[in-house]
C-alpha cells in the first residue's frame, strides 16, 4: 500500500427536496472540477421554514480527496 496525501475542503449544498439531496448536490457539483473524491462528513444541517414547514435544506460537509502524485 502506498502513502497518499489528502486535501479536505468544506462545501455547503442546498436543496428544497431533502438534506440527502443537498449533500448529493454539493458532491455532484464538486466532482465536476475535483478528482479523486473519497469521502464526506456532515458538519452541520440547517434549513428555512415557511408557514410551519421546511422549505429548504442546507448541509455543510467536509469532503476529502486524494492529491495526485
Protein backbone atom coordinates (compact mmCIF):
# COMPACT_ATOMS: atom_id res chain seq x y z
CA UNK A 1 0.00 0.00 0.00
CA UNK A 2 1.45 3.35 -0.99
CA UNK A 3 1.18 6.51 1.06
CA UNK A 4 -1.27 9.17 -0.12
CA UNK A 5 -1.84 12.82 0.68
CA UNK A 6 -5.36 14.16 1.01
CA UNK A 7 -6.93 17.62 0.97
CA UNK A 8 -10.11 18.44 2.89
CA UNK A 9 -12.49 21.19 1.79
CA UNK A 10 -15.78 22.43 3.19
CA UNK A 11 -18.87 22.72 0.98
CA UNK A 12 -22.46 23.78 1.54
CA UNK A 13 -25.11 22.05 -0.54
CA UNK A 14 -28.71 23.21 -0.69
CA UNK A 15 -31.98 21.67 -1.83
CA UNK A 16 -35.70 22.23 -1.49
CA UNK A 17 -36.17 18.43 -1.52
CA UNK A 18 -34.13 16.95 1.37
CA UNK A 19 -30.88 17.08 3.31
CA UNK A 20 -29.71 13.99 1.39
CA UNK A 21 -30.34 15.82 -1.88
CA UNK A 22 -28.38 18.83 -0.58
CA UNK A 23 -25.40 16.53 0.10
CA UNK A 24 -25.66 14.93 -3.33
CA UNK A 25 -25.90 18.36 -4.98
CA UNK A 26 -22.68 19.54 -3.30
CA UNK A 27 -20.76 16.36 -4.17
CA UNK A 28 -22.01 16.27 -7.76
CA UNK A 29 -21.01 19.90 -8.33
CA UNK A 30 -17.58 19.42 -6.70
CA UNK A 31 -16.92 16.31 -8.81
CA UNK A 32 -17.10 18.45 -11.96
CA UNK A 33 -13.81 20.16 -11.08
CA UNK A 34 -12.16 17.94 -8.45
CA UNK A 35 -10.67 14.49 -8.99
CA UNK A 36 -10.32 11.54 -6.61
CA UNK A 37 -13.15 12.44 -4.20
CA UNK A 38 -13.01 9.81 -1.46
CA UNK A 39 -15.27 10.65 1.48
CA UNK A 40 -17.53 13.21 3.09
CA UNK A 41 -18.54 14.11 6.64
CA UNK A 42 -21.68 16.05 7.58
CA UNK A 43 -20.74 19.01 9.76
CA UNK A 44 -23.99 20.96 10.04
CA UNK A 45 -27.59 20.76 8.87
CA UNK A 46 -29.92 23.73 8.83
CA UNK A 47 -32.97 24.87 6.92
CA UNK A 48 -35.52 27.51 6.13
CA UNK A 49 -39.08 27.33 7.48
CA UNK A 50 -42.06 28.82 5.65
CA UNK A 51 -45.62 28.60 7.01
CA UNK A 52 -44.61 25.99 9.58
CA UNK A 53 -42.99 23.66 7.02
CA UNK A 54 -39.41 23.03 5.92
CA UNK A 55 -38.95 24.95 2.68
CA UNK A 56 -35.22 24.49 2.08
CA UNK A 57 -32.31 22.43 3.42
CA UNK A 58 -28.65 23.48 3.72
CA UNK A 59 -25.99 20.95 4.66
CA UNK A 60 -22.35 21.78 5.37
CA UNK A 61 -19.98 18.91 4.59
CA UNK A 62 -16.26 18.28 4.63
CA UNK A 63 -15.06 16.44 1.54
CA UNK A 64 -11.73 14.64 1.32
CA UNK A 65 -9.92 13.97 -1.92
CA UNK A 66 -6.56 12.45 -2.81
CA UNK A 67 -3.85 14.73 -4.18
CA UNK A 68 -2.38 13.38 -7.42
CA UNK A 69 1.19 12.12 -7.34
